[in-house]
Protein backbone atom coordinates (compact mmCIF):
# COMPACT_ATOMS: atom_id res chain seq x y z
CA MET A 1 44.37 -8.74 29.39
CA ILE A 2 44.47 -12.51 30.13
CA ARG A 3 41.26 -12.33 32.07
CA ASN A 4 39.45 -10.63 29.23
CA LYS A 5 40.57 -13.22 26.74
CA MET A 6 39.51 -15.98 28.95
CA HIS A 7 36.22 -14.34 29.19
CA ARG A 8 35.71 -14.09 25.50
CA PHE A 9 36.95 -17.57 25.09
CA ARG A 10 34.12 -18.68 27.57
CA GLY A 11 31.70 -16.64 25.80
CA ARG A 12 32.46 -18.42 22.52
CA ILE A 13 32.30 -21.78 24.12
CA GLU A 14 28.84 -21.00 25.55
CA ARG A 15 27.49 -19.83 22.21
CA TYR A 16 28.78 -22.81 20.37
CA SER A 17 27.37 -25.16 23.13
CA LYS A 18 23.93 -23.33 22.66
CA THR A 19 24.07 -23.62 19.06
CA MET A 20 24.97 -27.48 19.24
CA ARG A 21 22.18 -27.90 21.87
CA TYR A 22 19.64 -26.56 19.40
CA CYS A 23 20.98 -28.60 16.48
CA LEU A 24 20.79 -31.70 18.70
CA ILE A 25 17.13 -30.86 19.66
CA ALA A 26 16.39 -30.46 15.87
CA LEU A 27 17.80 -33.79 15.18
CA ALA A 28 15.99 -35.36 17.93
CA VAL A 29 12.84 -33.91 16.65
CA ILE A 30 13.29 -34.99 13.01
CA ALA A 31 13.67 -38.52 14.14
CA PRO A 32 9.98 -38.86 15.08
CA LEU A 33 8.71 -36.66 12.31
CA ALA A 34 7.95 -39.60 10.12
CA ALA A 35 5.82 -41.07 13.10
CA GLN A 36 4.03 -37.78 13.33
CA GLU A 37 5.00 -37.20 16.69
CA VAL A 38 6.01 -33.43 16.44
CA HIS A 39 4.11 -30.99 18.53
CA PRO A 40 3.90 -27.20 18.12
CA LYS A 41 6.12 -26.84 21.24
CA ASP A 42 8.73 -28.82 19.41
CA VAL A 43 8.61 -26.39 16.58
CA ARG A 44 9.22 -23.51 18.91
CA GLU A 45 12.12 -25.26 20.46
CA VAL A 46 13.87 -26.05 17.14
CA ALA A 47 13.16 -22.36 15.90
CA LYS A 48 15.47 -21.14 18.57
CA ALA A 49 18.41 -22.01 16.60
CA GLY A 50 17.52 -19.24 14.09
CA SER A 51 18.07 -19.25 10.48
CA SER A 52 20.06 -22.49 10.84
CA ALA A 53 16.77 -24.36 11.76
CA LEU A 54 14.96 -23.36 8.53
CA PRO A 55 15.70 -26.65 6.69
CA THR A 56 14.18 -28.48 9.78
CA LEU A 57 11.17 -26.09 9.76
CA GLN A 58 10.57 -26.50 6.17
CA GLU A 59 10.31 -30.26 6.78
CA PHE A 60 7.60 -29.56 9.33
CA LEU A 61 5.39 -28.01 6.66
CA LYS A 62 4.88 -31.54 5.39
CA ASN A 63 3.54 -32.69 8.86
CA PRO A 64 -0.12 -33.68 8.77
CA ASP A 65 -0.97 -31.93 11.92
CA ILE A 66 -2.42 -28.44 11.13
CA ASP A 67 -1.21 -26.99 14.38
CA VAL A 68 2.26 -27.96 13.65
CA ARG A 69 2.07 -26.32 10.32
CA VAL A 70 0.74 -23.33 11.50
CA GLU A 71 3.29 -22.83 14.28
CA THR A 72 5.94 -23.59 11.82
CA VAL A 73 4.82 -20.75 9.47
CA LYS A 74 4.68 -18.40 12.61
CA GLN A 75 8.43 -19.39 13.44
CA ILE A 76 9.66 -19.08 9.93
CA THR A 77 8.12 -15.57 9.79
CA GLU A 78 9.74 -14.63 13.13
CA ILE A 79 13.09 -15.53 11.84
CA GLY A 80 12.46 -13.39 8.93
CA THR A 81 15.71 -13.84 6.90
CA ALA A 82 15.75 -13.97 3.06
CA ARG A 83 16.19 -17.87 3.63
CA SER A 84 12.71 -17.66 5.05
CA LEU A 85 11.22 -16.92 1.63
CA ASP A 86 11.41 -20.33 0.11
CA PRO A 87 9.68 -22.21 3.02
CA LEU A 88 7.07 -19.45 3.06
CA ILE A 89 6.14 -19.87 -0.57
CA LEU A 90 5.71 -23.45 0.17
CA GLY A 91 3.40 -22.47 2.99
CA THR A 92 1.24 -20.54 0.33
CA GLN A 93 0.59 -23.97 -1.26
CA ASP A 94 -0.71 -25.67 1.80
CA ASN A 95 -4.21 -26.92 1.77
CA ASP A 96 -5.26 -25.24 4.83
CA PRO A 97 -6.44 -21.61 4.82
CA GLU A 98 -4.73 -20.55 7.95
CA VAL A 99 -1.31 -21.82 6.80
CA GLN A 100 -1.79 -20.10 3.65
CA ILE A 101 -2.82 -16.82 5.08
CA ARG A 102 0.09 -16.79 7.62
CA ALA A 103 2.56 -17.68 5.10
CA THR A 104 1.27 -14.81 2.83
CA ASP A 105 1.57 -12.19 5.68
CA GLY A 106 4.97 -13.73 6.47
CA LEU A 107 6.10 -13.11 2.97
CA VAL A 108 4.93 -9.37 3.09
CA ASN A 109 6.56 -8.97 6.44
CA PHE A 110 9.93 -9.59 5.05
CA TYR A 111 9.52 -6.62 2.79
CA LEU A 112 7.47 -4.48 5.19
CA PRO A 113 8.68 -5.40 8.72
CA GLY A 114 5.65 -5.15 11.21
CA TYR A 115 3.11 -6.20 8.68
CA VAL A 116 2.19 -9.49 10.61
CA LYS A 117 1.23 -7.44 13.61
CA THR A 118 -1.57 -5.63 11.71
CA GLY A 119 -2.16 -8.10 8.88
CA PHE A 120 -5.25 -10.34 8.23
CA ALA A 121 -3.46 -13.35 10.03
CA SER A 122 -3.16 -11.34 13.35
CA SER A 123 -7.03 -11.51 13.81
CA ILE A 124 -7.55 -15.09 12.87
CA LYS A 125 -9.27 -17.46 15.20
CA ARG A 126 -9.97 -21.15 14.50
CA ALA A 127 -13.02 -22.95 15.35
CA GLY A 128 -12.77 -26.61 14.32
CA THR A 129 -12.01 -26.64 10.67
CA SER A 130 -13.17 -23.21 9.94
CA ILE A 131 -11.23 -19.82 10.52
CA LYS A 132 -12.52 -16.40 11.24
CA GLY A 133 -10.77 -13.02 10.87
CA LYS A 134 -11.24 -9.47 10.06
CA PHE A 135 -9.47 -7.22 7.43
CA THR A 136 -8.47 -3.77 8.80
CA ASP A 137 -10.45 -0.92 7.38
CA THR A 138 -7.18 0.87 6.31
CA ASN A 139 -5.75 -0.49 3.17
CA ASP A 140 -2.91 2.03 2.26
CA GLN A 141 0.26 -0.07 3.06
CA VAL A 142 2.71 -0.27 0.17
CA ILE A 143 6.25 -0.75 0.05
CA ASP A 144 8.80 1.92 -1.16
CA ALA A 145 9.28 2.02 -4.99
CA TYR A 146 13.05 1.19 -4.47
CA ILE A 147 12.30 -2.21 -2.80
CA THR A 148 12.71 -5.22 -5.33
CA VAL A 149 10.56 -8.14 -4.51
CA ARG A 150 11.59 -11.69 -5.70
CA PRO A 151 9.44 -12.65 -8.77
CA ASP A 152 8.69 -16.17 -7.31
CA VAL A 153 7.02 -14.41 -4.19
CA ILE A 154 4.74 -12.44 -6.53
CA ALA A 155 4.02 -15.54 -8.63
CA ALA A 156 2.97 -17.46 -5.44
CA LEU A 157 0.75 -14.74 -4.23
CA GLY A 158 -0.89 -14.20 -7.47
CA LYS A 159 -1.50 -17.86 -7.76
CA LEU A 160 -3.26 -18.01 -4.41
CA ALA A 161 -5.46 -14.93 -5.21
CA ARG A 162 -6.55 -16.55 -8.33
CA GLY A 163 -7.09 -20.01 -7.10
CA SER A 164 -7.42 -20.88 -3.40
CA SER A 165 -10.42 -22.75 -2.05
CA SER A 166 -10.61 -20.16 0.67
CA MET A 167 -12.01 -16.86 -0.18
CA ASP A 168 -10.25 -15.21 2.81
CA ALA A 169 -6.97 -16.65 1.72
CA ARG A 170 -7.63 -15.37 -1.99
CA ALA A 171 -8.61 -11.71 -0.67
CA ASN A 172 -5.58 -11.77 1.79
CA ALA A 173 -3.33 -12.67 -1.09
CA ALA A 174 -4.68 -10.12 -3.36
CA ARG A 175 -4.01 -7.55 -0.65
CA ALA A 176 -0.50 -8.61 -0.24
CA VAL A 177 0.05 -8.37 -4.13
CA GLY A 178 -0.86 -4.69 -3.95
CA VAL A 179 1.30 -3.95 -0.94
CA LEU A 180 4.24 -5.45 -2.63
CA ARG A 181 3.60 -3.63 -6.06
CA GLY A 182 3.40 -7.09 -7.82
CA GLN A 183 2.84 -5.91 -11.21
CA ALA A 184 3.40 -9.22 -12.57
CA ALA A 185 0.27 -10.57 -10.75
CA ILE A 186 -2.02 -8.19 -12.70
CA PRO A 187 -3.44 -11.31 -14.75
CA ASP A 188 -4.07 -13.06 -11.46
CA LEU A 189 -6.11 -10.07 -10.18
CA LEU A 190 -8.09 -9.72 -13.22
CA GLU A 191 -9.13 -13.27 -12.96
CA ALA A 192 -9.80 -12.81 -9.17
CA ILE A 193 -12.33 -10.01 -9.81
CA ARG A 194 -14.34 -12.53 -11.76
CA SER A 195 -15.03 -14.48 -8.51
CA LYS A 196 -18.37 -13.84 -6.73
CA ASP A 197 -16.87 -12.89 -3.49
CA THR A 198 -17.04 -9.24 -2.52
CA GLY A 199 -13.81 -9.31 -0.32
CA VAL A 200 -11.77 -10.93 -3.10
CA ILE A 201 -13.09 -8.50 -5.78
CA TYR A 202 -12.56 -5.42 -3.44
CA GLU A 203 -8.96 -6.48 -2.41
CA SER A 204 -8.05 -7.12 -6.08
CA LEU A 205 -9.28 -3.69 -7.12
CA VAL A 206 -7.40 -1.90 -4.43
CA ALA A 207 -4.33 -3.87 -5.36
CA MET A 208 -4.43 -2.54 -8.97
CA GLN A 209 -4.83 0.95 -7.54
CA LYS A 210 -1.65 0.55 -5.77
CA ILE A 211 0.07 -0.92 -8.75
CA ARG A 212 -1.09 1.57 -11.18
CA ASP A 213 -0.67 -0.51 -14.30
CA PRO A 214 -2.85 1.03 -16.92
CA SER A 215 -3.19 -2.40 -18.70
CA ALA A 216 -5.39 -3.55 -16.13
CA ALA A 217 -8.13 -0.75 -16.65
CA THR A 218 -9.73 -2.45 -19.58
CA GLY A 219 -10.69 -5.49 -17.63
CA ILE A 220 -12.83 -4.09 -14.82
CA GLY A 221 -15.51 -1.90 -16.60
CA PHE A 222 -18.07 -4.56 -15.91
CA LEU A 223 -17.75 -3.86 -12.18
CA LEU A 224 -18.95 0.01 -12.64
CA ARG A 225 -22.53 -1.12 -12.24
CA ASP A 226 -22.00 -3.76 -9.51
CA LEU A 227 -24.82 -3.95 -7.05
CA ASN A 228 -22.30 -3.90 -3.91
CA GLN A 229 -21.74 -0.40 -3.08
CA LYS A 230 -18.13 -1.04 -1.85
CA VAL A 231 -17.25 -2.85 -5.00
CA GLN A 232 -18.77 -0.50 -7.38
CA ILE A 233 -17.11 2.55 -5.64
CA ALA A 234 -13.66 0.69 -5.78
CA ALA A 235 -14.12 -0.10 -9.55
CA ILE A 236 -14.99 3.51 -10.21
CA GLU A 237 -11.98 4.77 -8.36
CA THR A 238 -9.71 2.19 -10.10
CA VAL A 239 -11.00 3.26 -13.71
CA GLY A 240 -10.08 6.87 -12.74
CA LEU A 241 -6.71 6.22 -11.26
CA LEU A 242 -5.72 4.07 -14.19
CA LYS A 243 -7.30 6.62 -16.67
CA ASN A 244 -9.25 4.39 -18.76
CA LYS A 245 -10.93 7.01 -20.94
CA ASP A 246 -13.04 4.40 -22.85
CA GLU A 247 -15.11 4.08 -19.61
CA LEU A 248 -16.00 7.93 -19.51
CA PRO A 249 -19.49 7.42 -20.73
CA ASP A 250 -20.04 4.55 -18.17
CA LEU A 251 -18.76 6.97 -15.39
CA VAL A 252 -21.02 9.77 -16.57
CA ASP A 253 -23.98 7.39 -16.62
CA ALA A 254 -23.12 5.95 -13.10
CA LEU A 255 -23.06 9.60 -11.94
CA ASN A 256 -26.25 10.53 -13.47
CA ARG A 257 -28.14 7.49 -12.44
CA THR A 258 -27.10 7.00 -8.72
CA HIS A 259 -28.92 8.35 -5.63
CA ASP A 260 -25.89 7.30 -3.37
CA ALA A 261 -23.70 10.28 -2.39
CA LYS A 262 -20.52 8.21 -2.10
CA VAL A 263 -20.81 6.85 -5.70
CA ARG A 264 -21.68 10.36 -6.98
CA ARG A 265 -18.41 11.69 -5.31
CA ALA A 266 -16.35 8.59 -6.71
CA ALA A 267 -17.77 8.94 -10.28
CA LEU A 268 -17.14 12.75 -10.50
CA THR A 269 -13.55 12.35 -8.97
CA SER A 270 -12.77 9.70 -11.53
CA ILE A 271 -14.29 11.84 -14.49
CA ALA A 272 -12.09 14.70 -13.21
CA MET A 273 -9.07 12.38 -13.53
CA MET A 274 -9.53 12.06 -17.24
CA PRO A 275 -9.98 15.68 -18.42
CA ALA A 276 -12.20 16.09 -21.54
CA GLU A 277 -13.93 19.30 -22.70
CA SER A 278 -16.96 17.23 -23.48
CA ASN A 279 -17.22 17.14 -19.55
CA ARG A 280 -16.82 20.90 -18.81
CA ALA A 281 -20.75 21.25 -18.27
CA LEU A 282 -20.44 18.67 -15.67
CA TYR A 283 -17.59 20.45 -13.87
CA THR A 284 -19.54 23.77 -14.12
CA LYS A 285 -22.66 22.31 -12.71
CA TYR A 286 -21.17 20.63 -9.75
CA LEU A 287 -18.79 23.56 -8.93
CA GLN A 288 -21.97 24.78 -7.30
CA ASP A 289 -23.12 21.48 -5.81
CA LYS A 290 -24.33 21.53 -2.08
CA ASP A 291 -21.93 18.77 -1.47
CA ASP A 292 -18.41 20.18 -0.57
CA ASN A 293 -16.68 16.81 -1.86
CA MET A 294 -18.58 17.37 -5.23
CA ARG A 295 -17.29 20.86 -5.52
CA ALA A 296 -13.80 19.59 -4.88
CA ALA A 297 -14.10 17.05 -7.54
CA ALA A 298 -15.37 19.70 -10.14
CA ALA A 299 -12.38 21.90 -9.13
CA GLU A 300 -10.28 19.04 -10.02
CA GLY A 301 -11.75 18.59 -13.39
CA PHE A 302 -11.05 22.29 -14.13
CA ALA A 303 -7.47 22.00 -12.86
CA ARG A 304 -6.75 19.00 -15.35
CA LEU A 305 -8.35 20.68 -18.31
CA ALA A 306 -5.36 23.24 -17.75
CA ASN A 307 -7.38 26.17 -19.58
CA PRO A 308 -5.94 29.39 -18.15
CA SER A 309 -9.09 31.16 -19.05
CA ASP A 310 -10.88 29.16 -16.22
CA LEU A 311 -8.64 30.79 -13.50
CA PRO A 312 -10.70 33.85 -12.66
CA MET A 313 -13.71 31.66 -12.03
CA ILE A 314 -11.71 29.33 -9.87
CA GLN A 315 -10.23 32.26 -8.03
CA LYS A 316 -13.83 33.75 -7.34
CA ALA A 317 -15.02 30.25 -6.17
CA TRP A 318 -11.99 30.01 -3.80
CA MET A 319 -12.90 33.53 -2.24
CA ASP A 320 -16.26 32.38 -1.64
CA GLU A 321 -15.58 28.88 -0.36
CA GLY A 322 -15.82 28.10 3.37
CA LYS A 323 -15.46 24.35 3.48
CA THR A 324 -11.88 22.72 3.70
CA PRO A 325 -12.45 19.74 1.05
CA ALA A 326 -13.69 22.17 -1.51
CA ARG A 327 -11.10 24.97 -0.83
CA LEU A 328 -8.34 22.17 -1.09
CA GLY A 329 -9.66 21.36 -4.45
CA LEU A 330 -9.88 24.92 -5.56
CA ALA A 331 -6.22 25.65 -4.34
CA PHE A 332 -5.10 22.55 -6.36
CA ALA A 333 -6.78 23.96 -9.33
CA GLN A 334 -5.15 27.57 -9.13
CA VAL A 335 -1.82 25.84 -8.84
CA MET A 336 -2.27 23.58 -11.77
CA LEU A 337 -3.50 26.81 -13.70
CA GLY A 338 -0.23 28.63 -12.98
CA VAL A 339 -0.52 30.19 -9.47
CA ARG A 340 2.89 29.14 -7.92
CA THR A 341 3.76 31.57 -5.23
CA THR A 342 4.04 30.51 -1.48
CA SER A 343 3.09 33.70 0.11
CA GLU A 344 0.98 33.46 3.43
CA PHE A 345 -2.42 33.15 1.95
CA SER A 346 -1.58 31.67 -1.46
CA PRO A 347 -3.27 28.30 -2.77
CA LEU A 348 0.17 26.58 -2.83
CA GLN A 349 0.89 27.66 0.88
CA TYR A 350 -2.70 26.35 1.87
CA LEU A 351 -1.99 22.93 0.42
CA ILE A 352 1.23 22.88 2.46
CA ASN A 353 -0.39 24.21 5.57
CA ASN A 354 -2.87 21.18 5.32
CA LEU A 355 0.02 18.76 5.56
CA ASN A 356 -0.29 19.48 9.32
CA SER A 357 -3.82 18.30 9.39
CA ALA A 358 -4.38 14.57 10.54
CA PHE A 359 -7.68 14.84 8.69
CA TYR A 360 -6.86 16.46 5.41
CA ARG A 361 -3.06 15.48 5.22
CA ASP A 362 -3.67 12.74 2.73
CA VAL A 363 -5.67 15.03 0.44
CA ALA A 364 -3.18 17.69 0.34
CA TYR A 365 -0.41 15.14 -0.10
CA ALA A 366 -2.20 13.76 -3.14
CA TYR A 367 -2.63 17.31 -4.77
CA LEU A 368 0.98 18.08 -4.22
CA VAL A 369 2.23 14.88 -5.74
CA GLU A 370 0.52 15.97 -8.92
CA THR A 371 1.31 19.49 -8.93
CA ALA A 372 5.18 18.71 -8.05
CA ARG A 373 5.61 17.13 -11.32
CA ASP A 374 6.01 20.70 -12.63
CA GLY A 375 9.66 22.13 -12.02
CA GLU A 376 8.26 25.40 -11.19
CA VAL A 377 6.15 24.00 -8.38
CA ARG A 378 9.09 21.91 -6.91
CA ASN A 379 11.08 25.11 -6.87
CA ALA A 380 8.52 26.69 -4.84
CA LEU A 381 8.41 23.70 -2.41
CA TYR A 382 12.14 23.41 -1.68
CA PRO A 383 12.27 26.15 0.97
CA THR A 384 9.68 24.36 3.03
CA LEU A 385 12.19 21.50 3.28
CA GLU A 386 14.21 23.84 5.39
CA THR A 387 11.91 25.97 7.15
CA GLY A 388 8.62 23.82 7.44
CA THR A 389 7.25 21.92 10.29
CA LYS A 390 8.27 18.32 10.97
CA ASP A 391 4.84 17.02 9.34
CA GLU A 392 5.45 19.34 6.36
CA LYS A 393 9.03 18.16 5.83
CA ILE A 394 8.11 14.43 6.01
CA SER A 395 5.09 14.81 3.60
CA LEU A 396 7.04 16.82 1.13
CA ALA A 397 10.03 14.32 1.17
CA ARG A 398 7.20 11.70 0.17
CA VAL A 399 5.94 13.99 -2.45
CA LEU A 400 9.42 14.35 -3.94
CA ALA A 401 10.12 10.63 -3.89
CA ARG A 402 7.27 10.42 -6.27
CA SER A 403 7.41 13.49 -8.19
CA GLY A 404 10.89 14.59 -7.82
CA ASP A 405 13.72 14.97 -10.44
CA GLN A 406 17.49 15.29 -10.41
CA ASP A 407 16.94 18.95 -9.23
CA SER A 408 15.32 17.46 -6.00
CA ILE A 409 18.38 15.49 -5.00
CA PRO A 410 20.57 18.27 -3.39
CA HIS A 411 17.58 19.31 -1.25
CA LEU A 412 16.84 15.80 -0.15
CA GLU A 413 20.36 15.19 0.76
CA LYS A 414 20.37 18.17 2.89
CA LEU A 415 16.98 16.93 4.50
CA SER A 416 18.64 13.42 5.03
CA ASN A 417 20.85 15.34 7.59
CA ASP A 418 17.93 17.06 9.48
CA PRO A 419 18.35 17.15 13.26
CA ASP A 420 15.06 15.16 13.53
CA ALA A 421 15.71 11.47 12.93
CA GLN A 422 12.22 10.93 11.43
CA VAL A 423 12.73 13.82 8.99
CA ALA A 424 16.16 12.44 7.96
CA GLN A 425 15.07 8.96 7.60
CA GLU A 426 12.27 10.11 5.11
CA GLY A 427 14.94 12.34 3.29
CA LEU A 428 16.98 9.07 2.83
CA ARG A 429 14.05 7.12 1.62
CA ALA A 430 13.15 9.63 -0.94
CA LEU A 431 16.75 9.83 -2.17
CA ARG A 432 16.73 5.95 -2.44
CA THR A 433 13.55 6.03 -4.55
CA LEU A 434 14.66 8.88 -6.77
CA LYS A 435 18.10 7.17 -7.34
CA ARG A 436 16.85 3.64 -7.96
């Protein structure tokens, strides 16, 4: 027993000594700071003290050496405590784009751990005074709805998206606003899309899609005719997701004028998101189109018109259809028009089955999110939470996180005790979202 006590005592002494050593190193480095003698290796040494080193590291952000400031932001991000947010916000105000970008990714990383490994900053390479990096093609990351982000973090990112001298820093900040669901930065994003930079415009539009604030929809119509395909499609998609019915005539015009298959698909999909009987002829026309994605979009239009008399036509099209994208759209339409059974070959079961497909999972998930807003559909989905595959359980937990109600809570509580750890984790996340 005495030996154990002595061992613990020596451990405390060693930890205390180690902490004191780092503090002394920090003090030793602060002294020459005014003389501009700090080097990146000094920053790394100081950072070993963890969160207690943050005041010193914040001082390093004033150093005239860019390499020192870059390394400082890296170390503050790695420390990753709530106390890291203030110095990272300060980093977004730096006059060097790399420091701004790394500080931006550091802020996101606090709320979405691991983000710095895949964010824009991870690809940065400096060549003299310029930097080069590459945005990943995948831009679907977003924090869970129950996570609350500090308002000053969103304000700092919005300011950067609106006004940095670096287009890469602005685009990266806009992406960060979307990941963090920064609704308060909508005015900044609307200002950002007035820039002439494709990257900034595109990232701002995608951020608006993630935030889903309808108030933003009225400020993006001018981009529906943009000459850049990527921007035009993003603007079309955003108008649809935000359901700006005032833009329906322009969407129809874009559909009728373009010869670009991707623009056509985006336009019809957005038109279908805002059901109007005046567009019934369009849905009828494109339900027979040679493009299976156009047939799927037309089916979505009929789904949201919610006219039961359309069901026989949709069911016949479903029986005749051989392509998965169109079959998914037609399955969605049938569920929306009242077919709610989960028998082996039913439309709803077809959507559930496609949650196991890496290629079509996201499409099936989106359809289920929309259909599950109906209590009858949710009741039909609950048994799969017990008997489904791992992928089905995980995806349905996410569906219920967005479209569930109080009736979903007992089922998610049971799922949170699933033997599979990943399934149980998704059940807990869904519960936290519903109870927020």
